[in-house]
Amino acid sequence: MVEAAEGMAIPAIFAERGGELAFRAAESAAIRALPQDRGGVVATGGGAVLLSDNVQALRSGSLTMFLDADATVLAARTAGSTRPPLTALSPGGRGGRRP
């Protein structure tokens, strides 16, 4: 939904529109645009739930689930992909905290 609304892939949003802040704004707009009678599955990235407005919008009229994995598992799963690198969760000590 974010890519369709922005007319570009997520890595391009990061590179050309101002990084994570621009992506998070587009992500929040996509979440707000979800129909109330979803009848489907919405899969967000882990950062979507860091904003309470997003959580509130996702919980409105739906069931939400949080899938948890260790940072090293997440890094292995996304290695070699075009996904932007992990930030505070990156293995190697740049924070290592869970949100």
PDB file of N, CA and C in Angstrom:
ATOM      1  N   MET A   1       0.824  -1.198   0.000  1.00  0.00           N
ATOM      2  CA  MET A   1       0.000   0.000   0.000  1.00  0.00           C
ATOM      3  C   MET A   1       0.865   1.258   0.000  1.00  0.00           C
ATOM      4  N   VAL A   2       1.935   1.226   0.766  1.00  0.00           N
ATOM      5  CA  VAL A   2       2.827   2.388   0.828  1.00  0.00           C
ATOM      6  C   VAL A   2       3.472   2.608  -0.534  1.00  0.00           C
ATOM      7  N   GLU A   3       3.975   1.548  -1.131  1.00  0.00           N
ATOM      8  CA  GLU A   3       4.619   1.679  -2.434  1.00  0.00           C
ATOM      9  C   GLU A   3       3.641   2.197  -3.484  1.00  0.00           C
ATOM     10  N   ALA A   4       2.421   1.692  -3.470  1.00  0.00           N
ATOM     11  CA  ALA A   4       1.417   2.136  -4.441  1.00  0.00           C
ATOM     12  C   ALA A   4       1.079   3.612  -4.244  1.00  0.00           C
ATOM     13  N   ALA A   5       0.903   4.019  -3.002  1.00  0.00           N
ATOM     14  CA  ALA A   5       0.552   5.416  -2.719  1.00  0.00           C
ATOM     15  C   ALA A   5       1.685   6.374  -3.075  1.00  0.00           C
ATOM     16  N   GLU A   6       2.928   5.949  -2.836  1.00  0.00           N
ATOM     17  CA  GLU A   6       4.082   6.809  -3.077  1.00  0.00           C
ATOM     18  C   GLU A   6       4.623   6.697  -4.501  1.00  0.00           C
ATOM     19  N   GLY A   7       4.217   5.652  -5.214  1.00  0.00           N
ATOM     20  CA  GLY A   7       4.680   5.470  -6.581  1.00  0.00           C
ATOM     21  C   GLY A   7       6.128   5.041  -6.686  1.00  0.00           C
ATOM     22  N   MET A   8       6.636   4.421  -5.615  1.00  0.00           N
ATOM     23  CA  MET A   8       8.017   3.941  -5.645  1.00  0.00           C
ATOM     24  C   MET A   8       8.200   2.867  -4.589  1.00  0.00           C
ATOM     25  N   ALA A   9       9.260   2.098  -4.739  1.00  0.00           N
ATOM     26  CA  ALA A   9       9.573   1.035  -3.790  1.00  0.00           C
ATOM     27  C   ALA A   9      10.042   1.643  -2.461  1.00  0.00           C
ATOM     28  N   ILE A  10       9.900   0.870  -1.403  1.00  0.00           N
ATOM     29  CA  ILE A  10      10.276   1.345  -0.075  1.00  0.00           C
ATOM     30  C   ILE A  10      11.743   1.786   0.004  1.00  0.00           C
ATOM     31  N   PRO A  11      12.698   1.031  -0.546  1.00  0.00           N
ATOM     32  CA  PRO A  11      14.083   1.527  -0.504  1.00  0.00           C
ATOM     33  C   PRO A  11      14.239   2.893  -1.182  1.00  0.00           C
ATOM     34  N   ALA A  12      13.475   3.134  -2.231  1.00  0.00           N
ATOM     35  CA  ALA A  12      13.536   4.430  -2.914  1.00  0.00           C
ATOM     36  C   ALA A  12      12.947   5.532  -2.042  1.00  0.00           C
ATOM     37  N   ILE A  13      11.903   5.222  -1.284  1.00  0.00           N
ATOM     38  CA  ILE A  13      11.340   6.211  -0.354  1.00  0.00           C
ATOM     39  C   ILE A  13      12.413   6.620   0.652  1.00  0.00           C
ATOM     40  N   PHE A  14      13.118   5.634   1.183  1.00  0.00           N
ATOM     41  CA  PHE A  14      14.196   5.927   2.132  1.00  0.00           C
ATOM     42  C   PHE A  14      15.270   6.789   1.467  1.00  0.00           C
ATOM     43  N   ALA A  15      15.659   6.434   0.257  1.00  0.00           N
ATOM     44  CA  ALA A  15      16.769   7.112  -0.418  1.00  0.00           C
ATOM     45  C   ALA A  15      16.394   8.491  -0.960  1.00  0.00           C
ATOM     46  N   GLU A  16      15.178   8.627  -1.470  1.00  0.00           N
ATOM     47  CA  GLU A  16      14.830   9.838  -2.201  1.00  0.00           C
ATOM     48  C   GLU A  16      13.896  10.790  -1.464  1.00  0.00           C
ATOM     49  N   ARG A  17      13.255  10.320  -0.419  1.00  0.00           N
ATOM     50  CA  ARG A  17      12.255  11.160   0.242  1.00  0.00           C
ATOM     51  C   ARG A  17      12.597  11.533   1.678  1.00  0.00           C
ATOM     52  N   GLY A  18      13.783  11.260   2.112  1.00  0.00           N
ATOM     53  CA  GLY A  18      14.155  11.731   3.437  1.00  0.00           C
ATOM     54  C   GLY A  18      14.305  10.659   4.493  1.00  0.00           C
ATOM     55  N   GLY A  19      14.505   9.421   4.092  1.00  0.00           N
ATOM     56  CA  GLY A  19      14.803   8.373   5.056  1.00  0.00           C
ATOM     57  C   GLY A  19      13.592   7.831   5.789  1.00  0.00           C
ATOM     58  N   GLU A  20      13.871   7.379   6.995  1.00  0.00           N
ATOM     59  CA  GLU A  20      12.841   6.670   7.757  1.00  0.00           C
ATOM     60  C   GLU A  20      11.650   7.554   8.104  1.00  0.00           C
ATOM     61  N   LEU A  21      11.884   8.827   8.401  1.00  0.00           N
ATOM     62  CA  LEU A  21      10.767   9.708   8.750  1.00  0.00           C
ATOM     63  C   LEU A  21       9.748   9.803   7.618  1.00  0.00           C
ATOM     64  N   ALA A  22      10.232   9.928   6.385  1.00  0.00           N
ATOM     65  CA  ALA A  22       9.336   9.992   5.238  1.00  0.00           C
ATOM     66  C   ALA A  22       8.586   8.677   5.064  1.00  0.00           C
ATOM     67  N   PHE A  23       9.296   7.575   5.237  1.00  0.00           N
ATOM     68  CA  PHE A  23       8.641   6.275   5.121  1.00  0.00           C
ATOM     69  C   PHE A  23       7.576   6.110   6.194  1.00  0.00           C
ATOM     70  N   ARG A  24       7.900   6.457   7.450  1.00  0.00           N
ATOM     71  CA  ARG A  24       6.934   6.300   8.547  1.00  0.00           C
ATOM     72  C   ARG A  24       5.698   7.154   8.326  1.00  0.00           C
ATOM     73  N   ALA A  25       5.868   8.349   7.768  1.00  0.00           N
ATOM     74  CA  ALA A  25       4.715   9.196   7.468  1.00  0.00           C
ATOM     75  C   ALA A  25       3.826   8.535   6.415  1.00  0.00           C
ATOM     76  N   ALA A  26       4.438   7.979   5.384  1.00  0.00           N
ATOM     77  CA  ALA A  26       3.673   7.294   4.342  1.00  0.00           C
ATOM     78  C   ALA A  26       2.996   6.037   4.891  1.00  0.00           C
ATOM     79  N   GLU A  27       3.702   5.331   5.753  1.00  0.00           N
ATOM     80  CA  GLU A  27       3.157   4.131   6.391  1.00  0.00           C
ATOM     81  C   GLU A  27       1.946   4.489   7.250  1.00  0.00           C
ATOM     82  N   SER A  28       2.049   5.548   8.032  1.00  0.00           N
ATOM     83  CA  SER A  28       0.935   5.987   8.872  1.00  0.00           C
ATOM     84  C   SER A  28      -0.265   6.387   8.024  1.00  0.00           C
ATOM     85  N   ALA A  29      -0.027   7.073   6.915  1.00  0.00           N
ATOM     86  CA  ALA A  29      -1.122   7.452   6.013  1.00  0.00           C
ATOM     87  C   ALA A  29      -1.808   6.211   5.447  1.00  0.00           C
ATOM     88  N   ALA A  30      -1.030   5.193   5.096  1.00  0.00           N
ATOM     89  CA  ALA A  30      -1.611   3.948   4.578  1.00  0.00           C
ATOM     90  C   ALA A  30      -2.444   3.250   5.644  1.00  0.00           C
ATOM     91  N   ILE A  31      -1.976   3.249   6.870  1.00  0.00           N
ATOM     92  CA  ILE A  31      -2.727   2.624   7.962  1.00  0.00           C
ATOM     93  C   ILE A  31      -4.032   3.368   8.196  1.00  0.00           C
ATOM     94  N   ARG A  32      -3.989   4.694   8.189  1.00  0.00           N
ATOM     95  CA  ARG A  32      -5.213   5.485   8.371  1.00  0.00           C
ATOM     96  C   ARG A  32      -6.199   5.260   7.233  1.00  0.00           C
ATOM     97  N   ALA A  33      -5.705   4.923   6.051  1.00  0.00           N
ATOM     98  CA  ALA A  33      -6.559   4.724   4.879  1.00  0.00           C
ATOM     99  C   ALA A  33      -7.185   3.335   4.819  1.00  0.00           C
ATOM    100  N   LEU A  34      -6.820   2.449   5.720  1.00  0.00           N
ATOM    101  CA  LEU A  34      -7.397   1.103   5.714  1.00  0.00           C
ATOM    102  C   LEU A  34      -8.899   1.180   5.946  1.00  0.00           C
ATOM    103  N   PRO A  35      -9.664   0.393   5.198  1.00  0.00           N
ATOM    104  CA  PRO A  35     -11.114   0.384   5.438  1.00  0.00           C
ATOM    105  C   PRO A  35     -11.432  -0.220   6.799  1.00  0.00           C
ATOM    106  N   GLN A  36     -12.478   0.261   7.437  1.00  0.00           N
ATOM    107  CA  GLN A  36     -12.868  -0.251   8.750  1.00  0.00           C
ATOM    108  C   GLN A  36     -13.365  -1.686   8.681  1.00  0.00           C
ATOM    109  N   ASP A  37     -13.928  -2.078   7.552  1.00  0.00           N
ATOM    110  CA  ASP A  37     -14.429  -3.456   7.387  1.00  0.00           C
ATOM    111  C   ASP A  37     -13.428  -4.274   6.592  1.00  0.00           C
ATOM    112  N   ARG A  38     -12.218  -4.377   7.101  1.00  0.00           N
ATOM    113  CA  ARG A  38     -11.093  -4.949   6.367  1.00  0.00           C
ATOM    114  C   ARG A  38     -11.367  -6.332   5.793  1.00  0.00           C
ATOM    115  N   GLY A  39     -11.773  -7.256   6.599  1.00  0.00           N
ATOM    116  CA  GLY A  39     -12.016  -8.597   6.104  1.00  0.00           C
ATOM    117  C   GLY A  39     -10.792  -9.259   5.500  1.00  0.00           C
ATOM    118  N   GLY A  40      -9.617  -8.904   5.924  1.00  0.00           N
ATOM    119  CA  GLY A  40      -8.400  -9.478   5.377  1.00  0.00           C
ATOM    120  C   GLY A  40      -7.283  -9.410   6.386  1.00  0.00           C
ATOM    121  N   VAL A  41      -6.072  -9.567   5.894  1.00  0.00           N
ATOM    122  CA  VAL A  41      -4.890  -9.541   6.744  1.00  0.00           C
ATOM    123  C   VAL A  41      -4.039  -8.341   6.345  1.00  0.00           C
ATOM    124  N   VAL A  42      -3.610  -7.585   7.333  1.00  0.00           N
ATOM    125  CA  VAL A  42      -2.704  -6.464   7.115  1.00  0.00           C
ATOM    126  C   VAL A  42      -1.407  -6.800   7.831  1.00  0.00           C
ATOM    127  N   ALA A  43      -0.330  -6.869   7.087  1.00  0.00           N
ATOM    128  CA  ALA A  43       0.974  -7.168   7.681  1.00  0.00           C
ATOM    129  C   ALA A  43       1.823  -5.906   7.644  1.00  0.00           C
ATOM    130  N   THR A  44       2.204  -5.435   8.826  1.00  0.00           N
ATOM    131  CA  THR A  44       3.067  -4.259   8.898  1.00  0.00           C
ATOM    132  C   THR A  44       4.463  -4.701   9.304  1.00  0.00           C
ATOM    133  N   GLY A  45       5.395  -3.817   9.158  1.00  0.00           N
ATOM    134  CA  GLY A  45       6.716  -4.060   9.707  1.00  0.00           C
ATOM    135  C   GLY A  45       6.697  -3.725  11.190  1.00  0.00           C
ATOM    136  N   GLY A  46       7.754  -4.050  11.875  1.00  0.00           N
ATOM    137  CA  GLY A  46       7.813  -3.827  13.313  1.00  0.00           C
ATOM    138  C   GLY A  46       7.776  -2.371  13.721  1.00  0.00           C
ATOM    139  N   GLY A  47       8.233  -1.476  12.867  1.00  0.00           N
ATOM    140  CA  GLY A  47       8.244  -0.065  13.212  1.00  0.00           C
ATOM    141  C   GLY A  47       6.879   0.590  13.201  1.00  0.00           C
ATOM    142  N   ALA A  48       5.920  -0.007  12.517  1.00  0.00           N
ATOM    143  CA  ALA A  48       4.582   0.592  12.424  1.00  0.00           C
ATOM    144  C   ALA A  48       3.938   0.761  13.786  1.00  0.00           C
ATOM    145  N   VAL A  49       4.212  -0.151  14.684  1.00  0.00           N
ATOM    146  CA  VAL A  49       3.551  -0.115  15.992  1.00  0.00           C
ATOM    147  C   VAL A  49       4.284   0.762  17.010  1.00  0.00           C
ATOM    148  N   LEU A  50       5.335   1.440  16.596  1.00  0.00           N
ATOM    149  CA  LEU A  50       6.031   2.339  17.506  1.00  0.00           C
ATOM    150  C   LEU A  50       5.271   3.653  17.696  1.00  0.00           C
ATOM    151  N   LEU A  51       4.326   3.923  16.806  1.00  0.00           N
ATOM    152  CA  LEU A  51       3.487   5.115  16.928  1.00  0.00           C
ATOM    153  C   LEU A  51       2.118   4.709  17.456  1.00  0.00           C
ATOM    154  N   SER A  52       1.727   5.282  18.575  1.00  0.00           N
ATOM    155  CA  SER A  52       0.469   4.880  19.213  1.00  0.00           C
ATOM    156  C   SER A  52      -0.742   5.121  18.315  1.00  0.00           C
ATOM    157  N   ASP A  53      -0.711   6.150  17.474  1.00  0.00           N
ATOM    158  CA  ASP A  53      -1.832   6.385  16.552  1.00  0.00           C
ATOM    159  C   ASP A  53      -1.984   5.225  15.575  1.00  0.00           C
ATOM    160  N   ASN A  54      -0.874   4.660  15.133  1.00  0.00           N
ATOM    161  CA  ASN A  54      -0.935   3.499  14.242  1.00  0.00           C
ATOM    162  C   ASN A  54      -1.549   2.305  14.956  1.00  0.00           C
ATOM    163  N   VAL A  55      -1.120   2.069  16.183  1.00  0.00           N
ATOM    164  CA  VAL A  55      -1.659   0.943  16.962  1.00  0.00           C
ATOM    165  C   VAL A  55      -3.158   1.118  17.135  1.00  0.00           C
ATOM    166  N   GLN A  56      -3.577   2.300  17.490  1.00  0.00           N
ATOM    167  CA  GLN A  56      -5.002   2.574  17.689  1.00  0.00           C
ATOM    168  C   GLN A  56      -5.783   2.329  16.399  1.00  0.00           C
ATOM    169  N   ALA A  57      -5.266   2.793  15.266  1.00  0.00           N
ATOM    170  CA  ALA A  57      -5.937   2.592  13.979  1.00  0.00           C
ATOM    171  C   ALA A  57      -5.982   1.116  13.602  1.00  0.00           C
ATOM    172  N   LEU A  58      -4.899   0.388  13.857  1.00  0.00           N
ATOM    173  CA  LEU A  58      -4.870  -1.039  13.529  1.00  0.00           C
ATOM    174  C   LEU A  58      -5.821  -1.838  14.421  1.00  0.00           C
ATOM    175  N   ARG A  59      -5.957  -1.448  15.662  1.00  0.00           N
ATOM    176  CA  ARG A  59      -6.833  -2.165  16.595  1.00  0.00           C
ATOM    177  C   ARG A  59      -8.307  -1.834  16.398  1.00  0.00           C
ATOM    178  N   SER A  60      -8.581  -0.749  15.736  1.00  0.00           N
ATOM    179  CA  SER A  60      -9.960  -0.322  15.536  1.00  0.00           C
ATOM    180  C   SER A  60     -10.706  -1.318  14.650  1.00  0.00           C
ATOM    181  N   GLY A  61     -11.585  -2.090  15.275  1.00  0.00           N
ATOM    182  CA  GLY A  61     -12.412  -3.038  14.529  1.00  0.00           C
ATOM    183  C   GLY A  61     -11.671  -4.245  13.999  1.00  0.00           C
ATOM    184  N   SER A  62     -10.546  -4.599  14.589  1.00  0.00           N
ATOM    185  CA  SER A  62      -9.815  -5.765  14.089  1.00  0.00           C
ATOM    186  C   SER A  62      -9.045  -6.441  15.213  1.00  0.00           C
ATOM    187  N   LEU A  63      -8.558  -7.602  14.923  1.00  0.00           N
ATOM    188  CA  LEU A  63      -7.708  -8.358  15.833  1.00  0.00           C
ATOM    189  C   LEU A  63      -6.263  -8.090  15.424  1.00  0.00           C
ATOM    190  N   THR A  64      -5.419  -7.748  16.376  1.00  0.00           N
ATOM    191  CA  THR A  64      -4.011  -7.535  16.058  1.00  0.00           C
ATOM    192  C   THR A  64      -3.168  -8.577  16.768  1.00  0.00           C
ATOM    193  N   MET A  65      -2.068  -8.940  16.122  1.00  0.00           N
ATOM    194  CA  MET A  65      -1.133  -9.910  16.689  1.00  0.00           C
ATOM    195  C   MET A  65       0.267  -9.371  16.542  1.00  0.00           C
ATOM    196  N   PHE A  66       1.098  -9.644  17.526  1.00  0.00           N
ATOM    197  CA  PHE A  66       2.496  -9.238  17.493  1.00  0.00           C
ATOM    198  C   PHE A  66       3.338 -10.497  17.393  1.00  0.00           C
ATOM    199  N   LEU A  67       4.148 -10.576  16.345  1.00  0.00           N
ATOM    200  CA  LEU A  67       5.058 -11.701  16.164  1.00  0.00           C
ATOM    201  C   LEU A  67       6.442 -11.225  16.578  1.00  0.00           C
ATOM    202  N   ASP A  68       7.071 -11.942  17.464  1.00  0.00           N
ATOM    203  CA  ASP A  68       8.342 -11.521  18.039  1.00  0.00           C
ATOM    204  C   ASP A  68       9.457 -12.470  17.612  1.00  0.00           C
ATOM    205  N   ALA A  69      10.627 -11.904  17.341  1.00  0.00           N
ATOM    206  CA  ALA A  69      11.807 -12.707  17.023  1.00  0.00           C
ATOM    207  C   ALA A  69      13.033 -11.946  17.500  1.00  0.00           C
ATOM    208  N   ASP A  70      14.075 -12.676  17.817  1.00  0.00           N
ATOM    209  CA  ASP A  70      15.337 -12.090  18.252  1.00  0.00           C
ATOM    210  C   ASP A  70      15.975 -11.312  17.094  1.00  0.00           C
ATOM    211  N   ALA A  71      16.724 -10.271  17.427  1.00  0.00           N
ATOM    212  CA  ALA A  71      17.361  -9.427  16.412  1.00  0.00           C
ATOM    213  C   ALA A  71      18.257 -10.233  15.476  1.00  0.00           C
ATOM    214  N   THR A  72      18.961 -11.228  15.990  1.00  0.00           N
ATOM    215  CA  THR A  72      19.840 -12.018  15.119  1.00  0.00           C
ATOM    216  C   THR A  72      19.019 -12.840  14.125  1.00  0.00           C
ATOM    217  N   VAL A  73      17.858 -13.314  14.532  1.00  0.00           N
ATOM    218  CA  VAL A  73      16.967 -14.054  13.630  1.00  0.00           C
ATOM    219  C   VAL A  73      16.445 -13.113  12.549  1.00  0.00           C
ATOM    220  N   LEU A  74      16.028 -11.924  12.953  1.00  0.00           N
ATOM    221  CA  LEU A  74      15.520 -10.950  11.986  1.00  0.00           C
ATOM    222  C   LEU A  74      16.598 -10.551  10.988  1.00  0.00           C
ATOM    223  N   ALA A  75      17.809 -10.346  11.470  1.00  0.00           N
ATOM    224  CA  ALA A  75      18.911  -9.988  10.580  1.00  0.00           C
ATOM    225  C   ALA A  75      19.180 -11.101   9.574  1.00  0.00           C
ATOM    226  N   ALA A  76      19.146 -12.347  10.012  1.00  0.00           N
ATOM    227  CA  ALA A  76      19.368 -13.485   9.106  1.00  0.00           C
ATOM    228  C   ALA A  76      18.252 -13.580   8.065  1.00  0.00           C
ATOM    229  N   ARG A  77      17.019 -13.338   8.501  1.00  0.00           N
ATOM    230  CA  ARG A  77      15.876 -13.427   7.582  1.00  0.00           C
ATOM    231  C   ARG A  77      15.920 -12.353   6.510  1.00  0.00           C
ATOM    232  N   THR A  78      16.462 -11.193   6.836  1.00  0.00           N
ATOM    233  CA  THR A  78      16.457 -10.092   5.883  1.00  0.00           C
ATOM    234  C   THR A  78      17.792  -9.895   5.169  1.00  0.00           C
ATOM    235  N   ALA A  79      18.788 -10.700   5.496  1.00  0.00           N
ATOM    236  CA  ALA A  79      20.107 -10.579   4.859  1.00  0.00           C
ATOM    237  C   ALA A  79      19.977 -10.752   3.348  1.00  0.00           C
ATOM    238  N   GLY A  80      20.591  -9.849   2.612  1.00  0.00           N
ATOM    239  CA  GLY A  80      20.577  -9.934   1.154  1.00  0.00           C
ATOM    240  C   GLY A  80      19.328  -9.370   0.513  1.00  0.00           C
ATOM    241  N   SER A  81      18.399  -8.860   1.315  1.00  0.00           N
ATOM    242  CA  SER A  81      17.174  -8.291   0.759  1.00  0.00           C
ATOM    243  C   SER A  81      17.360  -6.798   0.516  1.00  0.00           C
ATOM    244  N   THR A  82      16.363  -6.183  -0.070  1.00  0.00           N
ATOM    245  CA  THR A  82      16.409  -4.738  -0.290  1.00  0.00           C
ATOM    246  C   THR A  82      15.821  -3.979   0.889  1.00  0.00           C
ATOM    247  N   ARG A  83      15.461  -4.701   1.941  1.00  0.00           N
ATOM    248  CA  ARG A  83      14.907  -4.057   3.129  1.00  0.00           C
ATOM    249  C   ARG A  83      15.985  -3.179   3.755  1.00  0.00           C
ATOM    250  N   PRO A  84      15.611  -1.981   4.208  1.00  0.00           N
ATOM    251  CA  PRO A  84      16.607  -1.172   4.916  1.00  0.00           C
ATOM    252  C   PRO A  84      17.135  -1.939   6.123  1.00  0.00           C
ATOM    253  N   PRO A  85      18.391  -1.716   6.495  1.00  0.00           N
ATOM    254  CA  PRO A  85      18.976  -2.480   7.593  1.00  0.00           C
ATOM    255  C   PRO A  85      18.278  -2.204   8.922  1.00  0.00           C
ATOM    256  N   LEU A  86      18.376  -3.179   9.805  1.00  0.00           N
ATOM    257  CA  LEU A  86      17.850  -2.989  11.146  1.00  0.00           C
ATOM    258  C   LEU A  86      18.611  -1.847  11.800  1.00  0.00           C
ATOM    259  N   THR A  87      17.963  -1.169  12.702  1.00  0.00           N
ATOM    260  CA  THR A  87      18.612  -0.034  13.356  1.00  0.00           C
ATOM    261  C   THR A  87      18.933  -0.401  14.796  1.00  0.00           C
ATOM    262  N   ALA A  88      18.102  -0.032  15.734  1.00  0.00           N
ATOM    263  CA  ALA A  88      18.387  -0.277  17.151  1.00  0.00           C
ATOM    264  C   ALA A  88      18.453  -1.759  17.479  1.00  0.00           C
ATOM    265  N   LEU A  89      17.903  -2.590  16.620  1.00  0.00           N
ATOM    266  CA  LEU A  89      17.907  -4.026  16.877  1.00  0.00           C
ATOM    267  C   LEU A  89      19.080  -4.738  16.218  1.00  0.00           C
ATOM    268  N   SER A  90      19.927  -4.003  15.511  1.00  0.00           N
ATOM    269  CA  SER A  90      20.999  -4.636  14.745  1.00  0.00           C
ATOM    270  C   SER A  90      21.941  -5.447  15.628  1.00  0.00           C
ATOM    271  N   PRO A  91      22.271  -6.657  15.176  1.00  0.00           N
ATOM    272  CA  PRO A  91      23.286  -7.415  15.901  1.00  0.00           C
ATOM    273  C   PRO A  91      24.601  -6.631  15.860  1.00  0.00           C
ATOM    274  N   GLY A  92      25.414  -6.815  16.853  1.00  0.00           N
ATOM    275  CA  GLY A  92      26.671  -6.107  16.871  1.00  0.00           C
ATOM    276  C   GLY A  92      26.656  -4.932  17.813  1.00  0.00           C
ATOM    277  N   GLY A  93      25.535  -4.716  18.478  1.00  0.00           N
ATOM    278  CA  GLY A  93      25.544  -3.776  19.569  1.00  0.00           C
ATOM    279  C   GLY A  93      25.047  -2.377  19.358  1.00  0.00           C
ATOM    280  N   ARG A  94      24.457  -2.030  18.219  1.00  0.00           N
ATOM    281  CA  ARG A  94      23.947  -0.664  18.088  1.00  0.00           C
ATOM    282  C   ARG A  94      22.608  -0.549  18.788  1.00  0.00           C
ATOM    283  N   GLY A  95      22.572  -0.751  20.042  1.00  0.00           N
ATOM    284  CA  GLY A  95      21.346  -0.618  20.815  1.00  0.00           C
ATOM    285  C   GLY A  95      20.918  -1.941  21.400  1.00  0.00           C
ATOM    286  N   GLY A  96      20.572  -2.882  20.535  1.00  0.00           N
ATOM    287  CA  GLY A  96      20.176  -4.200  20.998  1.00  0.00           C
ATOM    288  C   GLY A  96      18.913  -4.219  21.823  1.00  0.00           C
ATOM    289  N   ARG A  97      18.193  -3.115  21.861  1.00  0.00           N
ATOM    290  CA  ARG A  97      16.962  -3.062  22.665  1.00  0.00           C
ATOM    291  C   ARG A  97      15.781  -3.505  21.841  1.00  0.00           C
ATOM    292  N   ARG A  98      14.789  -3.998  22.517  1.00  0.00           N
ATOM    293  CA  ARG A  98      13.511  -4.303  21.879  1.00  0.00           C
ATOM    294  C   ARG A  98      12.564  -3.156  22.160  1.00  0.00           C
ATOM    295  N   PRO A  99      11.757  -2.802  21.132  1.00  0.00           N
ATOM    296  CA  PRO A  99      10.799  -1.720  21.348  1.00  0.00           C
ATOM    297  C   PRO A  99       9.712  -2.131  22.318  1.00  0.00           C
TER     298      PRO A  99
END
